Amino acid sequence: MDDLRMDEKLARLRRCRREMDGLKQEAEAIEAEVKAELEARGVEQVETAHYRVSWKTVTSTRLDAKALRAERPEIYERYAVTGSTKRFTVT
């Protein structure tokens, strides 16, 4: 792929990302409205003719790695796993 074709692809990528950002904001606004309606009704779930929507509290337990590292660094080091990833950026 030559540089001109690369520029065209990157311009299209940038346009797609802008469109995605707009759609994401719209989806988040709709989600907030639905959540507000569930709260107003005082329910965690609603069924319509076509959908079932729920907004429930979910409890989870996580390891506080920062506290573990501070209080028991030997245990943290023993079980810490390092990973790597590639980052794609366009500026």
PDB file of N, CA and C in Angstrom:
ATOM      1  N   MET A   1       0.854  -1.172   0.000  1.00  0.00           N
ATOM      2  CA  MET A   1       0.000   0.000   0.000  1.00  0.00           C
ATOM      3  C   MET A   1       0.899   1.234   0.000  1.00  0.00           C
ATOM      4  N   ASP A   2       0.653   2.144  -0.933  1.00  0.00           N
ATOM      5  CA  ASP A   2       1.476   3.352  -0.989  1.00  0.00           C
ATOM      6  C   ASP A   2       0.975   4.377   0.035  1.00  0.00           C
ATOM      7  N   ASP A   3       1.719   5.462   0.200  1.00  0.00           N
ATOM      8  CA  ASP A   3       1.393   6.462   1.219  1.00  0.00           C
ATOM      9  C   ASP A   3       0.043   7.142   0.960  1.00  0.00           C
ATOM     10  N   LEU A   4      -0.283   7.376  -0.294  1.00  0.00           N
ATOM     11  CA  LEU A   4      -1.563   8.003  -0.615  1.00  0.00           C
ATOM     12  C   LEU A   4      -2.720   7.107  -0.180  1.00  0.00           C
ATOM     13  N   ARG A   5      -2.615   5.830  -0.476  1.00  0.00           N
ATOM     14  CA  ARG A   5      -3.642   4.863  -0.060  1.00  0.00           C
ATOM     15  C   ARG A   5      -3.702   4.761   1.462  1.00  0.00           C
ATOM     16  N   MET A   6      -2.546   4.793   2.114  1.00  0.00           N
ATOM     17  CA  MET A   6      -2.494   4.759   3.585  1.00  0.00           C
ATOM     18  C   MET A   6      -3.203   5.985   4.160  1.00  0.00           C
ATOM     19  N   ASP A   7      -2.942   7.178   3.587  1.00  0.00           N
ATOM     20  CA  ASP A   7      -3.616   8.395   4.050  1.00  0.00           C
ATOM     21  C   ASP A   7      -5.128   8.277   3.895  1.00  0.00           C
ATOM     22  N   GLU A   8      -5.599   7.718   2.790  1.00  0.00           N
ATOM     23  CA  GLU A   8      -7.035   7.537   2.570  1.00  0.00           C
ATOM     24  C   GLU A   8      -7.627   6.603   3.618  1.00  0.00           C
ATOM     25  N   LYS A   9      -6.931   5.524   3.890  1.00  0.00           N
ATOM     26  CA  LYS A   9      -7.407   4.559   4.894  1.00  0.00           C
ATOM     27  C   LYS A   9      -7.468   5.211   6.274  1.00  0.00           C
ATOM     28  N   LEU A  10      -6.425   5.973   6.616  1.00  0.00           N
ATOM     29  CA  LEU A  10      -6.383   6.596   7.940  1.00  0.00           C
ATOM     30  C   LEU A  10      -7.439   7.689   8.066  1.00  0.00           C
ATOM     31  N   ALA A  11      -7.711   8.409   6.988  1.00  0.00           N
ATOM     32  CA  ALA A  11      -8.775   9.415   7.020  1.00  0.00           C
ATOM     33  C   ALA A  11     -10.126   8.734   7.243  1.00  0.00           C
ATOM     34  N   ARG A  12     -10.357   7.622   6.566  1.00  0.00           N
ATOM     35  CA  ARG A  12     -11.604   6.862   6.746  1.00  0.00           C
ATOM     36  C   ARG A  12     -11.705   6.326   8.167  1.00  0.00           C
ATOM     37  N   LEU A  13     -10.599   5.841   8.702  1.00  0.00           N
ATOM     38  CA  LEU A  13     -10.562   5.357  10.081  1.00  0.00           C
ATOM     39  C   LEU A  13     -10.951   6.473  11.042  1.00  0.00           C
ATOM     40  N   ARG A  14     -10.408   7.651  10.835  1.00  0.00           N
ATOM     41  CA  ARG A  14     -10.707   8.797  11.710  1.00  0.00           C
ATOM     42  C   ARG A  14     -12.196   9.153  11.620  1.00  0.00           C
ATOM     43  N   ARG A  15     -12.772   9.143  10.411  1.00  0.00           N
ATOM     44  CA  ARG A  15     -14.199   9.428  10.250  1.00  0.00           C
ATOM     45  C   ARG A  15     -15.046   8.369  10.964  1.00  0.00           C
ATOM     46  N   CYS A  16     -14.671   7.129  10.804  1.00  0.00           N
ATOM     47  CA  CYS A  16     -15.397   6.036  11.469  1.00  0.00           C
ATOM     48  C   CYS A  16     -15.357   6.199  12.983  1.00  0.00           C
ATOM     49  N   ARG A  17     -14.207   6.533  13.503  1.00  0.00           N
ATOM     50  CA  ARG A  17     -14.085   6.703  14.967  1.00  0.00           C
ATOM     51  C   ARG A  17     -14.935   7.863  15.462  1.00  0.00           C
ATOM     52  N   ARG A  18     -14.993   8.964  14.698  1.00  0.00           N
ATOM     53  CA  ARG A  18     -15.851  10.093  15.087  1.00  0.00           C
ATOM     54  C   ARG A  18     -17.316   9.663  15.098  1.00  0.00           C
ATOM     55  N   GLU A  19     -17.728   8.911  14.068  1.00  0.00           N
ATOM     56  CA  GLU A  19     -19.102   8.424  14.016  1.00  0.00           C
ATOM     57  C   GLU A  19     -19.391   7.501  15.196  1.00  0.00           C
ATOM     58  N   MET A  20     -18.438   6.630  15.513  1.00  0.00           N
ATOM     59  CA  MET A  20     -18.609   5.711  16.637  1.00  0.00           C
ATOM     60  C   MET A  20     -18.749   6.484  17.945  1.00  0.00           C
ATOM     61  N   ASP A  21     -17.951   7.545  18.103  1.00  0.00           N
ATOM     62  CA  ASP A  21     -18.038   8.358  19.322  1.00  0.00           C
ATOM     63  C   ASP A  21     -19.428   8.973  19.459  1.00  0.00           C
ATOM     64  N   GLY A  22     -19.955   9.484  18.349  1.00  0.00           N
ATOM     65  CA  GLY A  22     -21.293  10.060  18.377  1.00  0.00           C
ATOM     66  C   GLY A  22     -22.349   9.030  18.716  1.00  0.00           C
ATOM     67  N   LEU A  23     -22.252   7.858  18.112  1.00  0.00           N
ATOM     68  CA  LEU A  23     -23.204   6.790  18.402  1.00  0.00           C
ATOM     69  C   LEU A  23     -23.083   6.315  19.846  1.00  0.00           C
ATOM     70  N   LYS A  24     -21.859   6.272  20.356  1.00  0.00           N
ATOM     71  CA  LYS A  24     -21.663   5.852  21.747  1.00  0.00           C
ATOM     72  C   LYS A  24     -22.334   6.843  22.697  1.00  0.00           C
ATOM     73  N   GLN A  25     -22.181   8.133  22.421  1.00  0.00           N
ATOM     74  CA  GLN A  25     -22.822   9.143  23.270  1.00  0.00           C
ATOM     75  C   GLN A  25     -24.343   9.017  23.218  1.00  0.00           C
ATOM     76  N   GLU A  26     -24.881   8.773  22.027  1.00  0.00           N
ATOM     77  CA  GLU A  26     -26.323   8.605  21.888  1.00  0.00           C
ATOM     78  C   GLU A  26     -26.803   7.378  22.662  1.00  0.00           C
ATOM     79  N   ALA A  27     -26.060   6.268  22.544  1.00  0.00           N
ATOM     80  CA  ALA A  27     -26.426   5.041  23.258  1.00  0.00           C
ATOM     81  C   ALA A  27     -26.371   5.253  24.767  1.00  0.00           C
ATOM     82  N   GLU A  28     -25.356   5.958  25.237  1.00  0.00           N
ATOM     83  CA  GLU A  28     -25.232   6.216  26.674  1.00  0.00           C
ATOM     84  C   GLU A  28     -26.383   7.086  27.178  1.00  0.00           C
ATOM     85  N   ALA A  29     -26.815   8.054  26.367  1.00  0.00           N
ATOM     86  CA  ALA A  29     -27.944   8.905  26.761  1.00  0.00           C
ATOM     87  C   ALA A  29     -29.232   8.084  26.851  1.00  0.00           C
ATOM     88  N   ILE A  30     -29.451   7.218  25.877  1.00  0.00           N
ATOM     89  CA  ILE A  30     -30.642   6.358  25.904  1.00  0.00           C
ATOM     90  C   ILE A  30     -30.597   5.442  27.116  1.00  0.00           C
ATOM     91  N   GLU A  31     -29.429   4.856  27.377  1.00  0.00           N
ATOM     92  CA  GLU A  31     -29.280   3.968  28.536  1.00  0.00           C
ATOM     93  C   GLU A  31     -29.588   4.713  29.829  1.00  0.00           C
ATOM     94  N   ALA A  32     -29.121   5.952  29.947  1.00  0.00           N
ATOM     95  CA  ALA A  32     -29.378   6.744  31.150  1.00  0.00           C
ATOM     96  C   ALA A  32     -30.880   6.999  31.317  1.00  0.00           C
ATOM     97  N   GLU A  33     -31.582   7.257  30.210  1.00  0.00           N
ATOM     98  CA  GLU A  33     -33.027   7.464  30.278  1.00  0.00           C
ATOM     99  C   GLU A  33     -33.745   6.206  30.750  1.00  0.00           C
ATOM    100  N   VAL A  34     -33.350   5.063  30.238  1.00  0.00           N
ATOM    101  CA  VAL A  34     -33.985   3.804  30.625  1.00  0.00           C
ATOM    102  C   VAL A  34     -33.708   3.519  32.098  1.00  0.00           C
ATOM    103  N   LYS A  35     -32.474   3.730  32.536  1.00  0.00           N
ATOM    104  CA  LYS A  35     -32.140   3.525  33.950  1.00  0.00           C
ATOM    105  C   LYS A  35     -32.968   4.446  34.845  1.00  0.00           C
ATOM    106  N   ALA A  36     -33.107   5.697  34.431  1.00  0.00           N
ATOM    107  CA  ALA A  36     -33.902   6.652  35.211  1.00  0.00           C
ATOM    108  C   ALA A  36     -35.357   6.186  35.301  1.00  0.00           C
ATOM    109  N   GLU A  37     -35.880   5.636  34.216  1.00  0.00           N
ATOM    110  CA  GLU A  37     -37.255   5.129  34.232  1.00  0.00           C
ATOM    111  C   GLU A  37     -37.392   3.934  35.175  1.00  0.00           C
ATOM    112  N   LEU A  38     -36.413   3.034  35.154  1.00  0.00           N
ATOM    113  CA  LEU A  38     -36.448   1.900  36.088  1.00  0.00           C
ATOM    114  C   LEU A  38     -36.440   2.402  37.531  1.00  0.00           C
ATOM    115  N   GLU A  39     -35.582   3.392  37.805  1.00  0.00           N
ATOM    116  CA  GLU A  39     -35.543   3.952  39.161  1.00  0.00           C
ATOM    117  C   GLU A  39     -36.874   4.616  39.514  1.00  0.00           C
ATOM    118  N   ALA A  40     -37.428   5.377  38.580  1.00  0.00           N
ATOM    119  CA  ALA A  40     -38.702   6.057  38.832  1.00  0.00           C
ATOM    120  C   ALA A  40     -39.810   5.048  39.136  1.00  0.00           C
ATOM    121  N   ARG A  41     -39.769   3.907  38.465  1.00  0.00           N
ATOM    122  CA  ARG A  41     -40.767   2.860  38.711  1.00  0.00           C
ATOM    123  C   ARG A  41     -40.448   2.054  39.961  1.00  0.00           C
ATOM    124  N   GLY A  42     -39.226   2.186  40.464  1.00  0.00           N
ATOM    125  CA  GLY A  42     -38.828   1.441  41.656  1.00  0.00           C
ATOM    126  C   GLY A  42     -38.654  -0.040  41.403  1.00  0.00           C
ATOM    127  N   VAL A  43     -38.226  -0.389  40.178  1.00  0.00           N
ATOM    128  CA  VAL A  43     -38.046  -1.794  39.825  1.00  0.00           C
ATOM    129  C   VAL A  43     -36.652  -2.007  39.255  1.00  0.00           C
ATOM    130  N   GLU A  44     -36.218  -3.268  39.245  1.00  0.00           N
ATOM    131  CA  GLU A  44     -34.925  -3.619  38.664  1.00  0.00           C
ATOM    132  C   GLU A  44     -35.074  -4.217  37.269  1.00  0.00           C
ATOM    133  N   GLN A  45     -36.302  -4.549  36.881  1.00  0.00           N
ATOM    134  CA  GLN A  45     -36.511  -5.210  35.588  1.00  0.00           C
ATOM    135  C   GLN A  45     -37.866  -4.813  35.010  1.00  0.00           C
ATOM    136  N   VAL A  46     -37.894  -4.685  33.678  1.00  0.00           N
ATOM    137  CA  VAL A  46     -39.133  -4.388  32.963  1.00  0.00           C
ATOM    138  C   VAL A  46     -39.161  -5.247  31.710  1.00  0.00           C
ATOM    139  N   GLU A  47     -40.346  -5.772  31.396  1.00  0.00           N
ATOM    140  CA  GLU A  47     -40.541  -6.512  30.146  1.00  0.00           C
ATOM    141  C   GLU A  47     -41.513  -5.735  29.282  1.00  0.00           C
ATOM    142  N   THR A  48     -41.121  -5.516  28.032  1.00  0.00           N
ATOM    143  CA  THR A  48     -42.009  -4.887  27.062  1.00  0.00           C
ATOM    144  C   THR A  48     -42.435  -5.970  26.078  1.00  0.00           C
ATOM    145  N   ALA A  49     -43.097  -5.567  25.006  1.00  0.00           N
ATOM    146  CA  ALA A  49     -43.522  -6.540  23.998  1.00  0.00           C
ATOM    147  C   ALA A  49     -42.325  -7.199  23.323  1.00  0.00           C
ATOM    148  N   HIS A  50     -41.198  -6.490  23.257  1.00  0.00           N
ATOM    149  CA  HIS A  50     -40.052  -7.000  22.509  1.00  0.00           C
ATOM    150  C   HIS A  50     -38.770  -7.164  23.321  1.00  0.00           C
ATOM    151  N   TYR A  51     -38.711  -6.574  24.496  1.00  0.00           N
ATOM    152  CA  TYR A  51     -37.459  -6.581  25.245  1.00  0.00           C
ATOM    153  C   TYR A  51     -37.682  -6.858  26.721  1.00  0.00           C
ATOM    154  N   ARG A  52     -36.632  -7.322  27.334  1.00  0.00           N
ATOM    155  CA  ARG A  52     -36.561  -7.436  28.791  1.00  0.00           C
ATOM    156  C   ARG A  52     -35.301  -6.680  29.193  1.00  0.00           C
ATOM    157  N   VAL A  53     -35.450  -5.689  30.042  1.00  0.00           N
ATOM    158  CA  VAL A  53     -34.306  -4.891  30.479  1.00  0.00           C
ATOM    159  C   VAL A  53     -34.207  -4.982  31.994  1.00  0.00           C
ATOM    160  N   SER A  54     -32.964  -5.112  32.476  1.00  0.00           N
ATOM    161  CA  SER A  54     -32.770  -5.135  33.918  1.00  0.00           C
ATOM    162  C   SER A  54     -31.557  -4.285  34.270  1.00  0.00           C
ATOM    163  N   TRP A  55     -31.612  -3.723  35.446  1.00  0.00           N
ATOM    164  CA  TRP A  55     -30.502  -2.932  35.980  1.00  0.00           C
ATOM    165  C   TRP A  55     -30.414  -3.293  37.454  1.00  0.00           C
ATOM    166  N   LYS A  56     -29.545  -4.260  37.723  1.00  0.00           N
ATOM    167  CA  LYS A  56     -29.457  -4.837  39.056  1.00  0.00           C
ATOM    168  C   LYS A  56     -28.070  -4.620  39.649  1.00  0.00           C
ATOM    169  N   THR A  57     -28.013  -4.595  40.953  1.00  0.00           N
ATOM    170  CA  THR A  57     -26.746  -4.502  41.664  1.00  0.00           C
ATOM    171  C   THR A  57     -26.048  -5.850  41.612  1.00  0.00           C
ATOM    172  N   VAL A  58     -24.786  -5.829  41.233  1.00  0.00           N
ATOM    173  CA  VAL A  58     -23.977  -7.039  41.186  1.00  0.00           C
ATOM    174  C   VAL A  58     -22.788  -6.826  42.113  1.00  0.00           C
ATOM    175  N   THR A  59     -22.562  -7.755  43.012  1.00  0.00           N
ATOM    176  CA  THR A  59     -21.458  -7.657  43.955  1.00  0.00           C
ATOM    177  C   THR A  59     -20.329  -8.567  43.501  1.00  0.00           C
ATOM    178  N   SER A  60     -19.114  -8.032  43.548  1.00  0.00           N
ATOM    179  CA  SER A  60     -17.958  -8.842  43.184  1.00  0.00           C
ATOM    180  C   SER A  60     -16.832  -8.584  44.174  1.00  0.00           C
ATOM    181  N   THR A  61     -15.917  -9.521  44.242  1.00  0.00           N
ATOM    182  CA  THR A  61     -14.765  -9.401  45.118  1.00  0.00           C
ATOM    183  C   THR A  61     -13.512  -9.353  44.256  1.00  0.00           C
ATOM    184  N   ARG A  62     -12.672  -8.362  44.521  1.00  0.00           N
ATOM    185  CA  ARG A  62     -11.434  -8.213  43.761  1.00  0.00           C
ATOM    186  C   ARG A  62     -10.263  -8.097  44.726  1.00  0.00           C
ATOM    187  N   LEU A  63      -9.135  -8.433  44.223  1.00  0.00           N
ATOM    188  CA  LEU A  63      -7.909  -8.308  45.000  1.00  0.00           C
ATOM    189  C   LEU A  63      -7.386  -6.883  44.883  1.00  0.00           C
ATOM    190  N   ASP A  64      -7.090  -6.253  46.003  1.00  0.00           N
ATOM    191  CA  ASP A  64      -6.506  -4.914  46.012  1.00  0.00           C
ATOM    192  C   ASP A  64      -4.993  -5.063  45.870  1.00  0.00           C
ATOM    193  N   ALA A  65      -4.527  -5.072  44.622  1.00  0.00           N
ATOM    194  CA  ALA A  65      -3.115  -5.320  44.336  1.00  0.00           C
ATOM    195  C   ALA A  65      -2.218  -4.246  44.941  1.00  0.00           C
ATOM    196  N   LYS A  66      -2.692  -3.016  44.951  1.00  0.00           N
ATOM    197  CA  LYS A  66      -1.881  -1.925  45.501  1.00  0.00           C
ATOM    198  C   LYS A  66      -1.639  -2.130  47.006  1.00  0.00           C
ATOM    199  N   ALA A  67      -2.685  -2.498  47.727  1.00  0.00           N
ATOM    200  CA  ALA A  67      -2.546  -2.736  49.168  1.00  0.00           C
ATOM    201  C   ALA A  67      -1.693  -3.972  49.425  1.00  0.00           C
ATOM    202  N   LEU A  68      -1.906  -5.018  48.632  1.00  0.00           N
ATOM    203  CA  LEU A  68      -1.109  -6.237  48.789  1.00  0.00           C
ATOM    204  C   LEU A  68       0.367  -5.943  48.560  1.00  0.00           C
ATOM    205  N   ARG A  69       0.667  -5.172  47.535  1.00  0.00           N
ATOM    206  CA  ARG A  69       2.055  -4.818  47.226  1.00  0.00           C
ATOM    207  C   ARG A  69       2.676  -4.032  48.379  1.00  0.00           C
ATOM    208  N   ALA A  70       1.891  -3.150  48.999  1.00  0.00           N
ATOM    209  CA  ALA A  70       2.404  -2.333  50.101  1.00  0.00           C
ATOM    210  C   ALA A  70       2.590  -3.151  51.379  1.00  0.00           C
ATOM    211  N   GLU A  71       1.637  -4.009  51.694  1.00  0.00           N
ATOM    212  CA  GLU A  71       1.663  -4.741  52.956  1.00  0.00           C
ATOM    213  C   GLU A  71       2.414  -6.064  52.891  1.00  0.00           C
ATOM    214  N   ARG A  72       2.359  -6.762  51.765  1.00  0.00           N
ATOM    215  CA  ARG A  72       3.008  -8.060  51.622  1.00  0.00           C
ATOM    216  C   ARG A  72       3.697  -8.161  50.264  1.00  0.00           C
ATOM    217  N   PRO A  73       4.754  -7.390  50.050  1.00  0.00           N
ATOM    218  CA  PRO A  73       5.396  -7.360  48.731  1.00  0.00           C
ATOM    219  C   PRO A  73       5.913  -8.722  48.281  1.00  0.00           C
ATOM    220  N   GLU A  74       6.296  -9.582  49.206  1.00  0.00           N
ATOM    221  CA  GLU A  74       6.809 -10.894  48.818  1.00  0.00           C
ATOM    222  C   GLU A  74       5.725 -11.760  48.183  1.00  0.00           C
ATOM    223  N   ILE A  75       4.512 -11.645  48.715  1.00  0.00           N
ATOM    224  CA  ILE A  75       3.389 -12.394  48.134  1.00  0.00           C
ATOM    225  C   ILE A  75       3.002 -11.779  46.797  1.00  0.00           C
ATOM    226  N   TYR A  76       2.976 -10.458  46.746  1.00  0.00           N
ATOM    227  CA  TYR A  76       2.650  -9.786  45.494  1.00  0.00           C
ATOM    228  C   TYR A  76       3.619 -10.206  44.395  1.00  0.00           C
ATOM    229  N   GLU A  77       4.911 -10.164  44.673  1.00  0.00           N
ATOM    230  CA  GLU A  77       5.924 -10.517  43.674  1.00  0.00           C
ATOM    231  C   GLU A  77       5.801 -11.972  43.243  1.00  0.00           C
ATOM    232  N   ARG A  78       5.428 -12.819  44.172  1.00  0.00           N
ATOM    233  CA  ARG A  78       5.309 -14.243  43.874  1.00  0.00           C
ATOM    234  C   ARG A  78       4.191 -14.520  42.867  1.00  0.00           C
ATOM    235  N   TYR A  79       3.104 -13.766  42.955  1.00  0.00           N
ATOM    236  CA  TYR A  79       1.938 -14.030  42.122  1.00  0.00           C
ATOM    237  C   TYR A  79       1.684 -12.987  41.027  1.00  0.00           C
ATOM    238  N   ALA A  80       2.468 -11.946  40.995  1.00  0.00           N
ATOM    239  CA  ALA A  80       2.269 -10.917  39.971  1.00  0.00           C
ATOM    240  C   ALA A  80       2.610 -11.481  38.592  1.00  0.00           C
ATOM    241  N   VAL A  81       1.798 -11.144  37.623  1.00  0.00           N
ATOM    242  CA  VAL A  81       1.999 -11.593  36.251  1.00  0.00           C
ATOM    243  C   VAL A  81       2.140 -10.344  35.380  1.00  0.00           C
ATOM    244  N   THR A  82       3.178 -10.309  34.592  1.00  0.00           N
ATOM    245  CA  THR A  82       3.400  -9.190  33.698  1.00  0.00           C
ATOM    246  C   THR A  82       2.992  -9.580  32.289  1.00  0.00           C
ATOM    247  N   GLY A  83       2.234  -8.716  31.654  1.00  0.00           N
ATOM    248  CA  GLY A  83       1.792  -8.969  30.285  1.00  0.00           C
ATOM    249  C   GLY A  83       2.240  -7.827  29.391  1.00  0.00           C
ATOM    250  N   SER A  84       2.142  -8.041  28.106  1.00  0.00           N
ATOM    251  CA  SER A  84       2.459  -6.960  27.184  1.00  0.00           C
ATOM    252  C   SER A  84       1.429  -6.958  26.062  1.00  0.00           C
ATOM    253  N   THR A  85       1.282  -5.816  25.467  1.00  0.00           N
ATOM    254  CA  THR A  85       0.325  -5.644  24.384  1.00  0.00           C
ATOM    255  C   THR A  85       0.897  -4.625  23.411  1.00  0.00           C
ATOM    256  N   LYS A  86       0.358  -4.561  22.225  1.00  0.00           N
ATOM    257  CA  LYS A  86       0.768  -3.557  21.250  1.00  0.00           C
ATOM    258  C   LYS A  86      -0.301  -2.467  21.216  1.00  0.00           C
ATOM    259  N   ARG A  87       0.112  -1.230  21.124  1.00  0.00           N
ATOM    260  CA  ARG A  87      -0.819  -0.108  21.071  1.00  0.00           C
ATOM    261  C   ARG A  87      -0.775   0.510  19.690  1.00  0.00           C
ATOM    262  N   PHE A  88      -1.944   0.684  19.075  1.00  0.00           N
ATOM    263  CA  PHE A  88      -2.067   1.292  17.750  1.00  0.00           C
ATOM    264  C   PHE A  88      -2.528   2.729  17.931  1.00  0.00           C
ATOM    265  N   THR A  89      -1.771   3.704  17.452  1.00  0.00           N
ATOM    266  CA  THR A  89      -2.152   5.114  17.566  1.00  0.00           C
ATOM    267  C   THR A  89      -2.032   5.791  16.211  1.00  0.00           C
ATOM    268  N   VAL A  90      -2.910   6.734  15.991  1.00  0.00           N
ATOM    269  CA  VAL A  90      -2.857   7.561  14.791  1.00  0.00           C
ATOM    270  C   VAL A  90      -2.955   9.003  15.256  1.00  0.00           C
ATOM    271  N   THR A  91      -1.971   9.812  14.882  1.00  0.00           N
ATOM    272  CA  THR A  91      -1.993  11.222  15.289  1.00  0.00           C
ATOM    273  C   THR A  91      -1.901  12.121  14.084  1.00  0.00           C
TER     274      THR A  91
END
